[in-house]
PDB file of all heavy atoms in Angstrom:
ATOM      1  N   LEU A   1    -214.675  36.995 -87.381  1.00  0.00           N
ATOM      2  CA  LEU A   1    -214.190  37.596 -86.148  1.00  0.00           C
ATOM      3  C   LEU A   1    -213.134  38.630 -86.523  1.00  0.00           C
ATOM      4  O   LEU A   1    -212.238  38.336 -87.311  1.00  0.00           O
ATOM      5  CB  LEU A   1    -213.619  36.509 -85.227  1.00  0.00           C
ATOM      6  CG  LEU A   1    -213.207  36.927 -83.819  1.00  0.00           C
ATOM      7  CD1 LEU A   1    -213.345  35.752 -82.872  1.00  0.00           C
ATOM      8  CD2 LEU A   1    -211.781  37.435 -83.768  1.00  0.00           C
ATOM      9  N   ALA A   2    -213.251  39.822 -85.965  1.00  0.00           N
ATOM     10  CA  ALA A   2    -212.325  40.893 -86.344  1.00  0.00           C
ATOM     11  C   ALA A   2    -212.136  41.858 -85.183  1.00  0.00           C
ATOM     12  O   ALA A   2    -212.842  41.802 -84.168  1.00  0.00           O
ATOM     13  CB  ALA A   2    -212.848  41.647 -87.569  1.00  0.00           C
ATOM     14  N   MET A   3    -211.205  42.768 -85.358  1.00  0.00           N
ATOM     15  CA  MET A   3    -210.954  43.810 -84.373  1.00  0.00           C
ATOM     16  C   MET A   3    -212.049  44.875 -84.472  1.00  0.00           C
ATOM     17  O   MET A   3    -212.683  45.042 -85.515  1.00  0.00           O
ATOM     18  CB  MET A   3    -209.571  44.401 -84.605  1.00  0.00           C
ATOM     19  CG  MET A   3    -208.514  43.317 -84.801  1.00  0.00           C
ATOM     20  SD  MET A   3    -206.808  43.874 -84.686  1.00  0.00           S
ATOM     21  CE  MET A   3    -206.589  43.855 -82.907  1.00  0.00           C
ATOM     22  N   HIS A   4    -212.281  45.571 -83.380  1.00  0.00           N
ATOM     23  CA  HIS A   4    -213.402  46.501 -83.290  1.00  0.00           C
ATOM     24  C   HIS A   4    -213.067  47.832 -83.969  1.00  0.00           C
ATOM     25  O   HIS A   4    -211.937  48.321 -83.853  1.00  0.00           O
ATOM     26  CB  HIS A   4    -213.751  46.743 -81.824  1.00  0.00           C
ATOM     27  CG  HIS A   4    -215.179  47.106 -81.604  1.00  0.00           C
ATOM     28  ND1 HIS A   4    -215.714  48.319 -81.969  1.00  0.00           N
ATOM     29  CD2 HIS A   4    -216.208  46.396 -81.059  1.00  0.00           C
ATOM     30  CE1 HIS A   4    -216.998  48.350 -81.655  1.00  0.00           C
ATOM     31  NE2 HIS A   4    -217.321  47.197 -81.097  1.00  0.00           N
ATOM     32  N   PRO A   5    -214.041  48.421 -84.672  1.00  0.00           N
ATOM     33  CA  PRO A   5    -213.771  49.709 -85.328  1.00  0.00           C
ATOM     34  C   PRO A   5    -213.834  50.906 -84.391  1.00  0.00           C
ATOM     35  O   PRO A   5    -213.466  52.013 -84.796  1.00  0.00           O
ATOM     36  CB  PRO A   5    -214.880  49.802 -86.388  1.00  0.00           C
ATOM     37  CG  PRO A   5    -216.010  49.013 -85.817  1.00  0.00           C
ATOM     38  CD  PRO A   5    -215.362  47.886 -85.062  1.00  0.00           C
ATOM     39  N   GLU A   6    -214.304  50.719 -83.148  1.00  0.00           N
ATOM     40  CA  GLU A   6    -214.417  51.834 -82.208  1.00  0.00           C
ATOM     41  C   GLU A   6    -213.238  51.855 -81.240  1.00  0.00           C
ATOM     42  O   GLU A   6    -212.794  50.830 -80.758  1.00  0.00           O
ATOM     43  CB  GLU A   6    -215.720  51.727 -81.408  1.00  0.00           C
ATOM     44  CG  GLU A   6    -216.961  51.833 -82.288  1.00  0.00           C
ATOM     45  CD  GLU A   6    -218.232  51.776 -81.459  1.00  0.00           C
ATOM     46  OE1 GLU A   6    -218.279  52.408 -80.371  1.00  0.00           O
ATOM     47  OE2 GLU A   6    -219.174  51.082 -81.882  1.00  0.00           O
ATOM     48  N   ARG A   7    -212.763  53.045 -80.954  1.00  0.00           N
ATOM     49  CA  ARG A   7    -211.605  53.201 -80.069  1.00  0.00           C
ATOM     50  C   ARG A   7    -211.973  52.883 -78.619  1.00  0.00           C
ATOM     51  O   ARG A   7    -213.053  53.244 -78.143  1.00  0.00           O
ATOM     52  CB  ARG A   7    -211.060  54.632 -80.173  1.00  0.00           C
ATOM     53  CG  ARG A   7    -209.820  54.896 -79.367  1.00  0.00           C
ATOM     54  CD  ARG A   7    -209.164  56.220 -79.739  1.00  0.00           C
ATOM     55  NE  ARG A   7    -208.245  56.051 -80.868  1.00  0.00           N
ATOM     56  CZ  ARG A   7    -208.481  56.479 -82.097  1.00  0.00           C
ATOM     57  NH1 ARG A   7    -209.611  57.097 -82.375  1.00  0.00           N
ATOM     58  NH2 ARG A   7    -207.606  56.299 -83.063  1.00  0.00           N
ATOM     59  N   ASN A   8    -211.065  52.177 -77.928  1.00  0.00           N
ATOM     60  CA  ASN A   8    -211.212  51.870 -76.518  1.00  0.00           C
ATOM     61  C   ASN A   8    -210.424  52.902 -75.725  1.00  0.00           C
ATOM     62  O   ASN A   8    -209.198  52.823 -75.635  1.00  0.00           O
ATOM     63  CB  ASN A   8    -210.695  50.450 -76.234  1.00  0.00           C
ATOM     64  CG  ASN A   8    -210.937  50.008 -74.807  1.00  0.00           C
ATOM     65  OD1 ASN A   8    -210.948  50.820 -73.896  1.00  0.00           O
ATOM     66  ND2 ASN A   8    -211.134  48.717 -74.613  1.00  0.00           N
ATOM     67  N   TRP A   9    -211.116  53.867 -75.140  1.00  0.00           N
ATOM     68  CA  TRP A   9    -210.436  54.944 -74.430  1.00  0.00           C
ATOM     69  C   TRP A   9    -209.897  54.487 -73.077  1.00  0.00           C
ATOM     70  O   TRP A   9    -209.005  55.134 -72.511  1.00  0.00           O
ATOM     71  CB  TRP A   9    -211.391  56.130 -74.245  1.00  0.00           C
ATOM     72  CG  TRP A   9    -211.714  56.821 -75.524  1.00  0.00           C
ATOM     73  CD1 TRP A   9    -212.908  56.817 -76.188  1.00  0.00           C
ATOM     74  CD2 TRP A   9    -210.838  57.623 -76.322  1.00  0.00           C
ATOM     75  NE1 TRP A   9    -212.829  57.562 -77.342  1.00  0.00           N
ATOM     76  CE2 TRP A   9    -211.571  58.072 -77.450  1.00  0.00           C
ATOM     77  CE3 TRP A   9    -209.492  58.007 -76.193  1.00  0.00           C
ATOM     78  CZ2 TRP A   9    -211.011  58.880 -78.426  1.00  0.00           C
ATOM     79  CZ3 TRP A   9    -208.938  58.816 -77.187  1.00  0.00           C
ATOM     80  CH2 TRP A   9    -209.693  59.247 -78.279  1.00  0.00           C
ATOM     81  N   ASP A  10    -210.416  53.384 -72.536  1.00  0.00           N
ATOM     82  CA  ASP A  10    -209.931  52.893 -71.252  1.00  0.00           C
ATOM     83  C   ASP A  10    -208.586  52.192 -71.376  1.00  0.00           C
ATOM     84  O   ASP A  10    -207.822  52.114 -70.412  1.00  0.00           O
ATOM     85  CB  ASP A  10    -210.947  51.917 -70.632  1.00  0.00           C
ATOM     86  CG  ASP A  10    -212.244  52.607 -70.261  1.00  0.00           C
ATOM     87  OD1 ASP A  10    -212.186  53.781 -69.854  1.00  0.00           O
ATOM     88  OD2 ASP A  10    -213.304  51.970 -70.391  1.00  0.00           O
ATOM     89  N   ARG A  11    -208.320  51.632 -72.536  1.00  0.00           N
ATOM     90  CA  ARG A  11    -207.023  50.982 -72.787  1.00  0.00           C
ATOM     91  C   ARG A  11    -206.664  51.247 -74.252  1.00  0.00           C
ATOM     92  O   ARG A  11    -206.914  50.421 -75.122  1.00  0.00           O
ATOM     93  CB  ARG A  11    -207.097  49.484 -72.499  1.00  0.00           C
ATOM     94  CG  ARG A  11    -205.747  48.792 -72.538  1.00  0.00           C
ATOM     95  CD  ARG A  11    -205.834  47.339 -72.084  1.00  0.00           C
ATOM     96  NE  ARG A  11    -204.560  46.664 -72.190  1.00  0.00           N
ATOM     97  CZ  ARG A  11    -203.573  46.751 -71.310  1.00  0.00           C
ATOM     98  NH1 ARG A  11    -203.719  47.489 -70.236  1.00  0.00           N
ATOM     99  NH2 ARG A  11    -202.439  46.113 -71.478  1.00  0.00           N
ATOM    100  N   ILE A  12    -206.093  52.394 -74.497  1.00  0.00           N
ATOM    101  CA  ILE A  12    -205.915  52.854 -75.866  1.00  0.00           C
ATOM    102  C   ILE A  12    -204.956  51.978 -76.664  1.00  0.00           C
ATOM    103  O   ILE A  12    -204.986  51.966 -77.899  1.00  0.00           O
ATOM    104  CB  ILE A  12    -205.458  54.333 -75.878  1.00  0.00           C
ATOM    105  CG1 ILE A  12    -205.758  54.966 -77.249  1.00  0.00           C
ATOM    106  CG2 ILE A  12    -203.981  54.444 -75.482  1.00  0.00           C
ATOM    107  CD1 ILE A  12    -205.638  56.466 -77.261  1.00  0.00           C
ATOM    108  N   GLN A  13    -204.122  51.182 -75.956  1.00  0.00           N
ATOM    109  CA  GLN A  13    -203.227  50.275 -76.669  1.00  0.00           C
ATOM    110  C   GLN A  13    -203.994  49.233 -77.490  1.00  0.00           C
ATOM    111  O   GLN A  13    -203.453  48.662 -78.439  1.00  0.00           O
ATOM    112  CB  GLN A  13    -202.296  49.568 -75.670  1.00  0.00           C
ATOM    113  CG  GLN A  13    -201.243  50.473 -75.059  1.00  0.00           C
ATOM    114  CD  GLN A  13    -201.776  51.283 -73.891  1.00  0.00           C
ATOM    115  OE1 GLN A  13    -202.939  51.183 -73.511  1.00  0.00           O
ATOM    116  NE2 GLN A  13    -200.904  52.108 -73.309  1.00  0.00           N
ATOM    117  N   LYS A  14    -205.239  48.974 -77.105  1.00  0.00           N
ATOM    118  CA  LYS A  14    -206.062  48.071 -77.901  1.00  0.00           C
ATOM    119  C   LYS A  14    -206.470  48.700 -79.235  1.00  0.00           C
ATOM    120  O   LYS A  14    -206.918  47.996 -80.139  1.00  0.00           O
ATOM    121  CB  LYS A  14    -207.336  47.681 -77.133  1.00  0.00           C
ATOM    122  CG  LYS A  14    -207.123  46.729 -75.972  1.00  0.00           C
ATOM    123  CD  LYS A  14    -208.468  46.300 -75.392  1.00  0.00           C
ATOM    124  CE  LYS A  14    -208.295  45.277 -74.294  1.00  0.00           C
ATOM    125  NZ  LYS A  14    -209.617  44.833 -73.758  1.00  0.00           N
ATOM    126  N   SER A  15    -206.325  50.016 -79.324  1.00  0.00           N
ATOM    127  CA  SER A  15    -206.875  50.753 -80.470  1.00  0.00           C
ATOM    128  C   SER A  15    -205.796  51.350 -81.355  1.00  0.00           C
ATOM    129  O   SER A  15    -205.861  52.505 -81.774  1.00  0.00           O
ATOM    130  CB  SER A  15    -207.812  51.856 -79.967  1.00  0.00           C
ATOM    131  OG  SER A  15    -208.851  51.298 -79.198  1.00  0.00           O
ATOM    132  N   HIS A  16    -204.771  50.555 -81.645  1.00  0.00           N
ATOM    133  CA  HIS A  16    -203.779  50.930 -82.653  1.00  0.00           C
ATOM    134  C   HIS A  16    -204.536  51.324 -83.928  1.00  0.00           C
ATOM    135  O   HIS A  16    -205.556  50.728 -84.269  1.00  0.00           O
ATOM    136  CB  HIS A  16    -202.886  49.710 -82.912  1.00  0.00           C
ATOM    137  CG  HIS A  16    -201.735  49.950 -83.825  1.00  0.00           C
ATOM    138  ND1 HIS A  16    -201.888  50.223 -85.182  1.00  0.00           N
ATOM    139  CD2 HIS A  16    -200.388  49.915 -83.611  1.00  0.00           C
ATOM    140  CE1 HIS A  16    -200.703  50.351 -85.737  1.00  0.00           C
ATOM    141  NE2 HIS A  16    -199.777  50.179 -84.806  1.00  0.00           N
ATOM    142  N   PRO A  17    -204.089  52.348 -84.644  1.00  0.00           N
ATOM    143  CA  PRO A  17    -204.797  52.757 -85.859  1.00  0.00           C
ATOM    144  C   PRO A  17    -205.039  51.613 -86.844  1.00  0.00           C
ATOM    145  O   PRO A  17    -206.090  51.580 -87.522  1.00  0.00           O
ATOM    146  CB  PRO A  17    -203.880  53.828 -86.453  1.00  0.00           C
ATOM    147  CG  PRO A  17    -203.184  54.409 -85.271  1.00  0.00           C
ATOM    148  CD  PRO A  17    -202.966  53.264 -84.324  1.00  0.00           C
ATOM    149  N   ASP A  18    -204.100  50.680 -86.943  1.00  0.00           N
ATOM    150  CA  ASP A  18    -204.323  49.521 -87.815  1.00  0.00           C
ATOM    151  C   ASP A  18    -205.474  48.659 -87.311  1.00  0.00           C
ATOM    152  O   ASP A  18    -206.218  48.076 -88.102  1.00  0.00           O
ATOM    153  CB  ASP A  18    -203.057  48.661 -87.908  1.00  0.00           C
ATOM    154  CG  ASP A  18    -201.956  49.278 -88.737  1.00  0.00           C
ATOM    155  OD1 ASP A  18    -202.217  50.282 -89.432  1.00  0.00           O
ATOM    156  OD2 ASP A  18    -200.823  48.765 -88.685  1.00  0.00           O
ATOM    157  N   HIS A  19    -205.619  48.542 -85.986  1.00  0.00           N
ATOM    158  CA  HIS A  19    -206.726  47.762 -85.422  1.00  0.00           C
ATOM    159  C   HIS A  19    -208.059  48.380 -85.815  1.00  0.00           C
ATOM    160  O   HIS A  19    -208.989  47.679 -86.235  1.00  0.00           O
ATOM    161  CB  HIS A  19    -206.640  47.725 -83.899  1.00  0.00           C
ATOM    162  CG  HIS A  19    -205.424  47.048 -83.360  1.00  0.00           C
ATOM    163  ND1 HIS A  19    -205.216  46.890 -82.006  1.00  0.00           N
ATOM    164  CD2 HIS A  19    -204.354  46.482 -83.968  1.00  0.00           C
ATOM    165  CE1 HIS A  19    -204.079  46.254 -81.799  1.00  0.00           C
ATOM    166  NE2 HIS A  19    -203.526  46.013 -82.985  1.00  0.00           N
ATOM    167  N   LEU A  20    -208.153  49.699 -85.657  1.00  0.00           N
ATOM    168  CA  LEU A  20    -209.388  50.397 -86.006  1.00  0.00           C
ATOM    169  C   LEU A  20    -209.685  50.263 -87.497  1.00  0.00           C
ATOM    170  O   LEU A  20    -210.851  50.105 -87.895  1.00  0.00           O
ATOM    171  CB  LEU A  20    -209.283  51.864 -85.612  1.00  0.00           C
ATOM    172  CG  LEU A  20    -209.034  52.159 -84.129  1.00  0.00           C
ATOM    173  CD1 LEU A  20    -208.875  53.653 -83.912  1.00  0.00           C
ATOM    174  CD2 LEU A  20    -210.159  51.608 -83.261  1.00  0.00           C
ATOM    175  N   ALA A  21    -208.640  50.318 -88.315  1.00  0.00           N
ATOM    176  CA  ALA A  21    -208.829  50.167 -89.763  1.00  0.00           C
ATOM    177  C   ALA A  21    -209.364  48.781 -90.095  1.00  0.00           C
ATOM    178  O   ALA A  21    -210.255  48.642 -90.949  1.00  0.00           O
ATOM    179  CB  ALA A  21    -207.517  50.429 -90.491  1.00  0.00           C
ATOM    180  N   VAL A  22    -208.839  47.744 -89.423  1.00  0.00           N
ATOM    181  CA  VAL A  22    -209.360  46.394 -89.651  1.00  0.00           C
ATOM    182  C   VAL A  22    -210.850  46.354 -89.365  1.00  0.00           C
ATOM    183  O   VAL A  22    -211.652  45.825 -90.152  1.00  0.00           O
ATOM    184  CB  VAL A  22    -208.626  45.361 -88.773  1.00  0.00           C
ATOM    185  CG1 VAL A  22    -209.350  44.014 -88.793  1.00  0.00           C
ATOM    186  CG2 VAL A  22    -207.197  45.180 -89.239  1.00  0.00           C
ATOM    187  N   GLY A  23    -211.243  46.907 -88.215  1.00  0.00           N
ATOM    188  CA  GLY A  23    -212.653  46.883 -87.858  1.00  0.00           C
ATOM    189  C   GLY A  23    -213.540  47.566 -88.872  1.00  0.00           C
ATOM    190  O   GLY A  23    -214.612  47.061 -89.224  1.00  0.00           O
ATOM    191  N   GLU A  24    -213.095  48.716 -89.365  1.00  0.00           N
ATOM    192  CA  GLU A  24    -213.904  49.442 -90.345  1.00  0.00           C
ATOM    193  C   GLU A  24    -213.920  48.725 -91.694  1.00  0.00           C
ATOM    194  O   GLU A  24    -214.969  48.634 -92.350  1.00  0.00           O
ATOM    195  CB  GLU A  24    -213.375  50.863 -90.505  1.00  0.00           C
ATOM    196  CG  GLU A  24    -214.247  51.764 -91.370  1.00  0.00           C
ATOM    197  CD  GLU A  24    -215.628  51.988 -90.786  1.00  0.00           C
ATOM    198  OE1 GLU A  24    -215.797  51.911 -89.545  1.00  0.00           O
ATOM    199  OE2 GLU A  24    -216.563  52.257 -91.573  1.00  0.00           O
ATOM    200  N   ILE A  25    -212.785  48.205 -92.112  1.00  0.00           N
ATOM    201  CA  ILE A  25    -212.716  47.457 -93.366  1.00  0.00           C
ATOM    202  C   ILE A  25    -213.667  46.265 -93.336  1.00  0.00           C
ATOM    203  O   ILE A  25    -214.450  46.043 -94.275  1.00  0.00           O
ATOM    204  CB  ILE A  25    -211.278  46.983 -93.641  1.00  0.00           C
ATOM    205  CG1 ILE A  25    -210.380  48.180 -93.999  1.00  0.00           C
ATOM    206  CG2 ILE A  25    -211.233  45.935 -94.756  1.00  0.00           C
ATOM    207  CD1 ILE A  25    -208.896  47.875 -93.900  1.00  0.00           C
ATOM    208  N   ILE A  26    -213.605  45.488 -92.259  1.00  0.00           N
ATOM    209  CA  ILE A  26    -214.427  44.286 -92.173  1.00  0.00           C
ATOM    210  C   ILE A  26    -215.899  44.639 -92.074  1.00  0.00           C
ATOM    211  O   ILE A  26    -216.753  44.017 -92.730  1.00  0.00           O
ATOM    212  CB  ILE A  26    -213.995  43.422 -90.966  1.00  0.00           C
ATOM    213  CG1 ILE A  26    -212.538  42.989 -91.115  1.00  0.00           C
ATOM    214  CG2 ILE A  26    -214.910  42.217 -90.831  1.00  0.00           C
ATOM    215  CD1 ILE A  26    -212.224  42.278 -92.418  1.00  0.00           C
ATOM    216  N   THR A  27    -216.228  45.644 -91.266  1.00  0.00           N
ATOM    217  CA  THR A  27    -217.634  46.022 -91.117  1.00  0.00           C
ATOM    218  C   THR A  27    -218.212  46.495 -92.447  1.00  0.00           C
ATOM    219  O   THR A  27    -219.343  46.123 -92.809  1.00  0.00           O
ATOM    220  CB  THR A  27    -217.783  47.118 -90.044  1.00  0.00           C
ATOM    221  OG1 THR A  27    -217.234  46.642 -88.813  1.00  0.00           O
ATOM    222  CG2 THR A  27    -219.233  47.477 -89.831  1.00  0.00           C
ATOM    223  N   ARG A  28    -217.462  47.278 -93.197  1.00  0.00           N
ATOM    224  CA  ARG A  28    -217.944  47.715 -94.514  1.00  0.00           C
ATOM    225  C   ARG A  28    -218.022  46.556 -95.496  1.00  0.00           C
ATOM    226  O   ARG A  28    -218.924  46.505 -96.337  1.00  0.00           O
ATOM    227  CB  ARG A  28    -217.013  48.791 -95.085  1.00  0.00           C
ATOM    228  CG  ARG A  28    -217.043  50.106 -94.350  1.00  0.00           C
ATOM    229  CD  ARG A  28    -216.310  51.165 -95.159  1.00  0.00           C
ATOM    230  NE  ARG A  28    -216.097  52.386 -94.399  1.00  0.00           N
ATOM    231  CZ  ARG A  28    -215.659  53.524 -94.935  1.00  0.00           C
ATOM    232  NH1 ARG A  28    -215.391  53.577 -96.237  1.00  0.00           N
ATOM    233  NH2 ARG A  28    -215.477  54.585 -94.188  1.00  0.00           N
ATOM    234  N   ALA A  29    -217.084  45.622 -95.389  1.00  0.00           N
ATOM    235  CA  ALA A  29    -217.050  44.506 -96.339  1.00  0.00           C
ATOM    236  C   ALA A  29    -218.215  43.552 -96.141  1.00  0.00           C
ATOM    237  O   ALA A  29    -218.828  43.098 -97.120  1.00  0.00           O
ATOM    238  CB  ALA A  29    -215.733  43.752 -96.212  1.00  0.00           C
ATOM    239  N   VAL A  30    -218.553  43.248 -94.878  1.00  0.00           N
ATOM    240  CA  VAL A  30    -219.593  42.241 -94.646  1.00  0.00           C
ATOM    241  C   VAL A  30    -220.979  42.775 -94.967  1.00  0.00           C
ATOM    242  O   VAL A  30    -221.895  42.004 -95.262  1.00  0.00           O
ATOM    243  CB  VAL A  30    -219.553  41.675 -93.220  1.00  0.00           C
ATOM    244  CG1 VAL A  30    -218.219  41.004 -92.937  1.00  0.00           C
ATOM    245  CG2 VAL A  30    -219.864  42.712 -92.157  1.00  0.00           C
ATOM    246  N   TYR A  31    -221.150  44.075 -94.902  1.00  0.00           N
ATOM    247  CA  TYR A  31    -222.402  44.668 -95.362  1.00  0.00           C
ATOM    248  C   TYR A  31    -222.145  46.061 -95.926  1.00  0.00           C
ATOM    249  O   TYR A  31    -221.586  46.899 -95.228  1.00  0.00           O
ATOM    250  CB  TYR A  31    -223.455  44.773 -94.250  1.00  0.00           C
ATOM    251  CG  TYR A  31    -224.739  45.323 -94.802  1.00  0.00           C
ATOM    252  CD1 TYR A  31    -225.619  44.491 -95.497  1.00  0.00           C
ATOM    253  CD2 TYR A  31    -225.018  46.682 -94.726  1.00  0.00           C
ATOM    254  CE1 TYR A  31    -226.765  45.014 -96.079  1.00  0.00           C
ATOM    255  CE2 TYR A  31    -226.157  47.206 -95.309  1.00  0.00           C
ATOM    256  CZ  TYR A  31    -227.028  46.367 -95.976  1.00  0.00           C
ATOM    257  OH  TYR A  31    -228.150  46.875 -96.577  1.00  0.00           O
TER     258      TYR A  31
END
């Protein structure tokens, strides 16, 4: 379970740059 790599434009506070980085790191790592 991880944070999403895509930005949430409806509530941008969910999309702190570190949050987006987590999502991309995890998505690349698992496959």
